[in-house]
């Protein structure tokens, strides 16, 4: 589940310029924000998927890519979509996913994840 949603939601960093959603009334763009997604099976360590839109190209958790180089997302407005990854660095083989929180300059997949995780306050 997206780390910006729900009671007890938290950010990856200590402060954020983005909204932490604890009430539905806080959501401005329900069709643009994902709530659930597939996480890379090698790094499932908790119930949250962390994105850090405050830091460019920061990939905290790796999304899954086992759907033909794509991941599945469900959004606040209840639609779902398969999002195809474009940068090979977003979808390393399981044997290479050994740590969380990497900076991958220029990876537009990370930008997409960050833009759909939360909205500016």
N, C-alpha and C. Protein backbone atom coordinates (compact mmCIF):
# COMPACT_ATOMS: atom_id res chain seq x y z
N UNK A 1 0.85 -1.18 0.00
CA UNK A 1 0.00 0.00 0.00
C UNK A 1 0.89 1.24 0.00
N UNK A 2 0.47 2.25 -0.72
CA UNK A 2 1.18 3.52 -0.80
C UNK A 2 1.38 4.11 0.60
N UNK A 3 2.60 4.46 0.93
CA UNK A 3 2.93 4.97 2.27
C UNK A 3 2.26 6.29 2.62
N UNK A 4 1.71 6.99 1.67
CA UNK A 4 1.06 8.28 1.94
C UNK A 4 -0.41 8.13 2.35
N UNK A 5 -0.93 6.89 2.37
CA UNK A 5 -2.36 6.69 2.64
C UNK A 5 -2.62 5.92 3.92
N UNK A 6 -3.69 6.34 4.61
CA UNK A 6 -4.22 5.59 5.75
C UNK A 6 -3.79 6.13 7.09
N UNK A 7 -4.51 5.69 8.09
CA UNK A 7 -4.16 6.05 9.46
C UNK A 7 -2.80 5.45 9.77
N UNK A 8 -1.91 6.25 10.30
CA UNK A 8 -0.56 5.79 10.57
C UNK A 8 0.37 5.93 9.37
N UNK A 9 -0.09 6.58 8.29
CA UNK A 9 0.75 6.77 7.11
C UNK A 9 1.96 7.62 7.49
N UNK A 10 3.08 7.32 6.87
CA UNK A 10 4.31 8.05 7.15
C UNK A 10 5.05 8.31 5.85
N UNK A 11 6.03 9.20 5.91
CA UNK A 11 6.88 9.46 4.76
C UNK A 11 8.21 8.77 4.97
N UNK A 12 8.99 8.70 3.92
CA UNK A 12 10.30 8.07 4.03
C UNK A 12 11.27 8.99 4.74
N UNK A 13 11.20 10.28 4.44
CA UNK A 13 12.06 11.26 5.10
C UNK A 13 11.39 11.82 6.34
N UNK A 14 12.10 12.67 7.04
CA UNK A 14 11.54 13.22 8.28
C UNK A 14 10.50 14.31 8.03
N UNK A 15 10.63 15.03 6.93
CA UNK A 15 9.64 16.04 6.56
C UNK A 15 9.27 15.85 5.09
N UNK A 16 8.13 16.40 4.72
CA UNK A 16 7.70 16.28 3.33
C UNK A 16 6.89 17.51 2.91
N UNK A 17 6.94 17.79 1.63
CA UNK A 17 6.12 18.85 1.04
C UNK A 17 4.83 18.27 0.48
N UNK A 18 4.62 16.96 0.70
CA UNK A 18 3.49 16.26 0.11
C UNK A 18 2.47 15.87 1.16
N UNK A 19 1.24 15.65 0.71
CA UNK A 19 0.12 15.35 1.60
C UNK A 19 0.17 13.90 2.08
N UNK A 20 -0.05 13.73 3.36
CA UNK A 20 -0.27 12.40 3.94
C UNK A 20 -1.77 12.30 4.13
N UNK A 21 -2.38 11.32 3.48
CA UNK A 21 -3.84 11.23 3.42
C UNK A 21 -4.39 10.35 4.54
N UNK A 22 -5.11 11.00 5.44
CA UNK A 22 -5.80 10.25 6.50
C UNK A 22 -7.31 10.38 6.38
N UNK A 23 -7.77 11.27 5.46
CA UNK A 23 -9.20 11.45 5.20
C UNK A 23 -9.42 11.56 3.69
N UNK A 24 -10.50 11.01 3.22
CA UNK A 24 -10.80 11.07 1.79
C UNK A 24 -10.95 12.51 1.30
N UNK A 25 -11.40 13.39 2.16
CA UNK A 25 -11.61 14.79 1.76
C UNK A 25 -10.30 15.52 1.42
N UNK A 26 -9.17 14.95 1.78
CA UNK A 26 -7.87 15.57 1.47
C UNK A 26 -7.43 15.31 0.03
N UNK A 27 -8.04 14.36 -0.62
CA UNK A 27 -7.60 13.93 -1.95
C UNK A 27 -8.17 14.85 -3.01
N UNK A 28 -7.29 15.48 -3.79
CA UNK A 28 -7.71 16.40 -4.84
C UNK A 28 -7.85 15.70 -6.20
N UNK A 29 -7.00 14.71 -6.46
CA UNK A 29 -6.98 14.05 -7.77
C UNK A 29 -7.04 12.54 -7.63
N UNK A 30 -8.22 11.98 -7.32
CA UNK A 30 -8.31 10.54 -7.06
C UNK A 30 -7.92 9.65 -8.24
N UNK A 31 -8.06 10.14 -9.46
CA UNK A 31 -7.70 9.33 -10.63
C UNK A 31 -6.19 9.30 -10.86
N UNK A 32 -5.45 10.15 -10.19
CA UNK A 32 -4.01 10.25 -10.42
C UNK A 32 -3.17 9.60 -9.33
N UNK A 33 -3.78 9.17 -8.23
CA UNK A 33 -3.02 8.66 -7.09
C UNK A 33 -3.26 7.17 -6.88
N UNK A 34 -2.18 6.40 -6.83
CA UNK A 34 -2.33 4.96 -6.59
C UNK A 34 -2.38 4.67 -5.09
N UNK A 35 -3.11 3.64 -4.74
CA UNK A 35 -3.18 3.19 -3.35
C UNK A 35 -2.46 1.85 -3.22
N UNK A 36 -2.77 0.92 -4.12
CA UNK A 36 -2.15 -0.41 -4.07
C UNK A 36 -1.35 -0.67 -5.33
N UNK A 37 -0.30 -1.45 -5.18
CA UNK A 37 0.54 -1.84 -6.31
C UNK A 37 1.29 -3.11 -5.95
N UNK A 38 1.85 -3.72 -6.97
CA UNK A 38 2.72 -4.87 -6.76
C UNK A 38 4.11 -4.37 -6.42
N UNK A 39 4.69 -4.91 -5.34
CA UNK A 39 6.06 -4.60 -4.95
C UNK A 39 6.95 -5.75 -5.40
N UNK A 40 8.19 -5.45 -5.70
CA UNK A 40 9.14 -6.49 -6.11
C UNK A 40 9.21 -7.55 -5.03
N UNK A 41 9.06 -8.80 -5.43
CA UNK A 41 8.97 -9.89 -4.46
C UNK A 41 10.20 -10.06 -3.57
N UNK A 42 11.33 -9.59 -4.01
CA UNK A 42 12.57 -9.74 -3.24
C UNK A 42 12.63 -8.79 -2.05
N UNK A 43 11.87 -7.69 -2.10
CA UNK A 43 12.00 -6.70 -1.03
C UNK A 43 10.71 -6.48 -0.24
N UNK A 44 9.77 -7.39 -0.32
CA UNK A 44 8.57 -7.24 0.50
C UNK A 44 8.99 -7.40 1.96
N UNK A 45 8.96 -6.31 2.69
CA UNK A 45 9.43 -6.33 4.08
C UNK A 45 8.41 -5.74 5.05
N UNK A 46 7.34 -5.18 4.52
CA UNK A 46 6.29 -4.59 5.35
C UNK A 46 5.06 -4.40 4.48
N UNK A 47 4.05 -3.74 4.99
CA UNK A 47 2.82 -3.54 4.23
C UNK A 47 2.80 -2.28 3.40
N UNK A 48 3.91 -1.53 3.39
CA UNK A 48 3.92 -0.26 2.68
C UNK A 48 4.89 -0.24 1.51
N UNK A 49 4.53 0.55 0.52
CA UNK A 49 5.43 0.83 -0.60
C UNK A 49 5.83 2.29 -0.46
N UNK A 50 7.11 2.52 -0.26
CA UNK A 50 7.58 3.87 0.00
C UNK A 50 8.07 4.55 -1.27
N UNK A 51 7.52 5.72 -1.51
CA UNK A 51 7.99 6.63 -2.55
C UNK A 51 8.44 7.90 -1.83
N UNK A 52 9.43 8.57 -2.37
CA UNK A 52 9.95 9.79 -1.75
C UNK A 52 9.98 10.92 -2.77
N UNK A 53 8.83 11.55 -3.05
CA UNK A 53 8.80 12.60 -4.06
C UNK A 53 9.59 13.85 -3.67
N UNK A 54 10.02 13.95 -2.42
CA UNK A 54 10.83 15.10 -2.01
C UNK A 54 12.27 15.01 -2.52
N UNK A 55 12.71 13.84 -2.94
CA UNK A 55 14.07 13.66 -3.44
C UNK A 55 14.02 13.06 -4.84
N UNK A 56 14.48 13.81 -5.82
CA UNK A 56 14.44 13.36 -7.21
C UNK A 56 15.17 12.04 -7.40
N UNK A 57 14.54 11.17 -8.14
CA UNK A 57 15.10 9.87 -8.55
C UNK A 57 15.45 8.94 -7.39
N UNK A 58 14.80 9.13 -6.25
CA UNK A 58 15.02 8.25 -5.10
C UNK A 58 14.04 7.10 -5.17
N UNK A 59 14.56 5.91 -5.41
CA UNK A 59 13.73 4.70 -5.47
C UNK A 59 13.89 3.98 -4.14
N UNK A 60 12.92 4.13 -3.27
CA UNK A 60 12.99 3.54 -1.93
C UNK A 60 12.68 2.05 -2.02
N UNK A 61 11.52 1.71 -2.55
CA UNK A 61 11.11 0.32 -2.76
C UNK A 61 11.01 0.08 -4.26
N UNK A 62 11.39 -1.10 -4.70
CA UNK A 62 11.28 -1.44 -6.11
C UNK A 62 9.88 -1.96 -6.42
N UNK A 63 9.26 -1.46 -7.49
CA UNK A 63 7.97 -2.01 -7.90
C UNK A 63 8.18 -3.34 -8.62
N UNK A 64 7.14 -4.14 -8.68
CA UNK A 64 7.21 -5.39 -9.43
C UNK A 64 7.26 -5.10 -10.93
N UNK A 65 7.85 -6.02 -11.66
CA UNK A 65 7.90 -5.86 -13.12
C UNK A 65 7.65 -7.20 -13.82
N UNK A 66 7.00 -8.13 -13.10
CA UNK A 66 6.79 -9.46 -13.67
C UNK A 66 5.59 -9.56 -14.63
N UNK A 67 4.98 -8.45 -14.94
CA UNK A 67 3.89 -8.43 -15.92
C UNK A 67 4.43 -7.86 -17.23
N UNK A 68 5.34 -8.59 -17.85
CA UNK A 68 5.96 -8.14 -19.11
C UNK A 68 6.58 -6.76 -18.95
N UNK A 69 7.43 -6.60 -17.95
CA UNK A 69 8.13 -5.35 -17.64
C UNK A 69 7.17 -4.24 -17.21
N UNK A 70 6.12 -4.62 -16.49
CA UNK A 70 5.12 -3.66 -16.05
C UNK A 70 4.67 -4.00 -14.63
N UNK A 71 4.02 -3.03 -13.99
CA UNK A 71 3.45 -3.23 -12.67
C UNK A 71 1.97 -2.89 -12.69
N UNK A 72 1.24 -3.44 -11.74
CA UNK A 72 -0.20 -3.22 -11.66
C UNK A 72 -0.49 -2.25 -10.51
N UNK A 73 -1.34 -1.26 -10.78
CA UNK A 73 -1.69 -0.23 -9.81
C UNK A 73 -3.19 -0.10 -9.69
N UNK A 74 -3.68 0.13 -8.48
CA UNK A 74 -5.08 0.51 -8.30
C UNK A 74 -5.08 1.91 -7.71
N UNK A 75 -5.99 2.73 -8.20
CA UNK A 75 -6.02 4.14 -7.87
C UNK A 75 -7.18 4.47 -6.94
N UNK A 76 -7.13 5.65 -6.35
CA UNK A 76 -8.14 6.08 -5.38
C UNK A 76 -9.53 6.04 -5.98
N UNK A 77 -9.67 6.42 -7.25
CA UNK A 77 -11.00 6.43 -7.88
C UNK A 77 -11.49 5.03 -8.25
N UNK A 78 -10.76 4.01 -7.89
CA UNK A 78 -11.05 2.59 -8.05
C UNK A 78 -10.72 2.03 -9.44
N UNK A 79 -10.09 2.80 -10.32
CA UNK A 79 -9.65 2.19 -11.57
C UNK A 79 -8.28 1.53 -11.34
N UNK A 80 -7.95 0.60 -12.18
CA UNK A 80 -6.66 -0.09 -12.12
C UNK A 80 -6.00 0.02 -13.49
N UNK A 81 -4.69 -0.03 -13.48
CA UNK A 81 -3.97 -0.01 -14.75
C UNK A 81 -2.65 -0.73 -14.63
N UNK A 82 -2.19 -1.20 -15.76
CA UNK A 82 -0.86 -1.79 -15.85
C UNK A 82 0.05 -0.70 -16.39
N UNK A 83 1.12 -0.43 -15.66
CA UNK A 83 2.06 0.61 -16.08
C UNK A 83 3.36 -0.05 -16.53
N UNK A 84 3.72 0.19 -17.77
CA UNK A 84 4.93 -0.39 -18.37
C UNK A 84 6.14 0.44 -17.98
N UNK A 85 7.16 -0.21 -17.44
CA UNK A 85 8.40 0.47 -17.07
C UNK A 85 9.25 0.66 -18.32
N UNK A 86 9.96 1.78 -18.37
CA UNK A 86 10.77 2.10 -19.55
C UNK A 86 12.26 2.05 -19.29
N UNK A 87 12.66 2.09 -18.04
CA UNK A 87 14.09 2.10 -17.69
C UNK A 87 14.46 0.76 -17.07
N UNK A 88 15.42 0.07 -17.65
CA UNK A 88 15.83 -1.25 -17.17
C UNK A 88 16.29 -1.21 -15.71
N UNK A 89 16.74 -0.06 -15.24
CA UNK A 89 17.21 0.06 -13.85
C UNK A 89 16.07 -0.03 -12.85
N UNK A 90 14.85 0.19 -13.29
CA UNK A 90 13.68 0.08 -12.42
C UNK A 90 13.32 -1.39 -12.17
N UNK A 91 13.78 -2.28 -13.03
CA UNK A 91 13.36 -3.69 -12.95
C UNK A 91 14.55 -4.65 -12.99
N UNK A 92 15.41 -4.57 -11.99
CA UNK A 92 16.55 -5.49 -11.97
C UNK A 92 16.10 -6.91 -11.66
N UNK A 93 16.90 -7.89 -12.04
CA UNK A 93 16.58 -9.27 -11.67
C UNK A 93 16.57 -9.42 -10.15
N UNK A 94 15.81 -10.37 -9.66
CA UNK A 94 15.68 -10.57 -8.21
C UNK A 94 17.03 -10.73 -7.53
N UNK A 95 17.98 -11.34 -8.19
CA UNK A 95 19.29 -11.56 -7.59
C UNK A 95 20.05 -10.26 -7.35
N UNK A 96 19.66 -9.18 -8.02
CA UNK A 96 20.36 -7.91 -7.87
C UNK A 96 19.64 -6.93 -6.95
N UNK A 97 18.44 -7.26 -6.51
CA UNK A 97 17.70 -6.38 -5.60
C UNK A 97 18.08 -6.77 -4.18
N UNK A 98 19.04 -6.04 -3.63
CA UNK A 98 19.53 -6.41 -2.30
C UNK A 98 19.38 -5.30 -1.27
N UNK A 99 19.04 -4.11 -1.72
CA UNK A 99 18.90 -3.01 -0.77
C UNK A 99 17.79 -2.07 -1.19
N UNK A 100 17.36 -1.30 -0.23
CA UNK A 100 16.32 -0.31 -0.46
C UNK A 100 16.94 1.08 -0.52
N UNK A 101 16.27 1.98 -1.17
CA UNK A 101 16.70 3.37 -1.19
C UNK A 101 17.92 3.62 -2.05
N UNK A 102 17.72 3.67 -3.35
CA UNK A 102 18.81 3.97 -4.28
C UNK A 102 18.43 5.20 -5.10
N UNK A 103 19.42 5.99 -5.44
CA UNK A 103 19.23 7.14 -6.32
C UNK A 103 19.62 6.69 -7.72
N UNK A 104 18.70 6.82 -8.66
CA UNK A 104 18.96 6.42 -10.04
C UNK A 104 18.69 7.64 -10.93
N UNK A 105 19.71 8.50 -11.12
CA UNK A 105 19.52 9.72 -11.91
C UNK A 105 18.96 9.45 -13.30
N UNK A 106 17.98 10.25 -13.68
CA UNK A 106 17.39 10.17 -15.01
C UNK A 106 16.34 9.09 -15.20
N UNK A 107 16.02 8.31 -14.17
CA UNK A 107 15.04 7.23 -14.30
C UNK A 107 13.63 7.82 -14.23
N UNK A 108 12.99 7.93 -15.37
CA UNK A 108 11.65 8.53 -15.44
C UNK A 108 10.57 7.64 -14.81
N UNK A 109 10.85 6.37 -14.64
CA UNK A 109 9.91 5.49 -13.95
C UNK A 109 9.77 5.92 -12.49
N UNK A 110 10.86 6.32 -11.89
CA UNK A 110 10.82 6.80 -10.51
C UNK A 110 10.02 8.10 -10.44
N UNK A 111 10.22 8.97 -11.41
CA UNK A 111 9.45 10.21 -11.46
C UNK A 111 7.96 9.89 -11.53
N UNK A 112 7.57 8.92 -12.36
CA UNK A 112 6.16 8.54 -12.46
C UNK A 112 5.64 8.03 -11.11
N UNK A 113 6.39 7.16 -10.45
CA UNK A 113 5.98 6.65 -9.13
C UNK A 113 5.79 7.79 -8.14
N UNK A 114 6.72 8.73 -8.14
CA UNK A 114 6.64 9.86 -7.22
C UNK A 114 5.46 10.77 -7.53
N UNK A 115 5.21 11.04 -8.81
CA UNK A 115 4.11 11.92 -9.19
C UNK A 115 2.75 11.34 -8.89
N UNK A 116 2.65 10.03 -8.77
CA UNK A 116 1.36 9.38 -8.52
C UNK A 116 1.22 8.89 -7.09
N UNK A 117 2.19 9.20 -6.23
CA UNK A 117 2.14 8.78 -4.83
C UNK A 117 1.39 9.78 -3.96
N UNK A 118 1.55 11.08 -4.24
CA UNK A 118 0.93 12.11 -3.42
C UNK A 118 0.89 13.43 -4.19
N UNK A 119 0.24 14.42 -3.58
CA UNK A 119 0.15 15.76 -4.18
C UNK A 119 0.83 16.76 -3.23
N UNK A 120 1.34 17.83 -3.79
CA UNK A 120 1.90 18.87 -2.96
C UNK A 120 0.87 19.39 -1.98
N UNK A 121 1.30 19.75 -0.80
CA UNK A 121 0.38 20.29 0.22
C UNK A 121 -0.20 21.61 -0.23
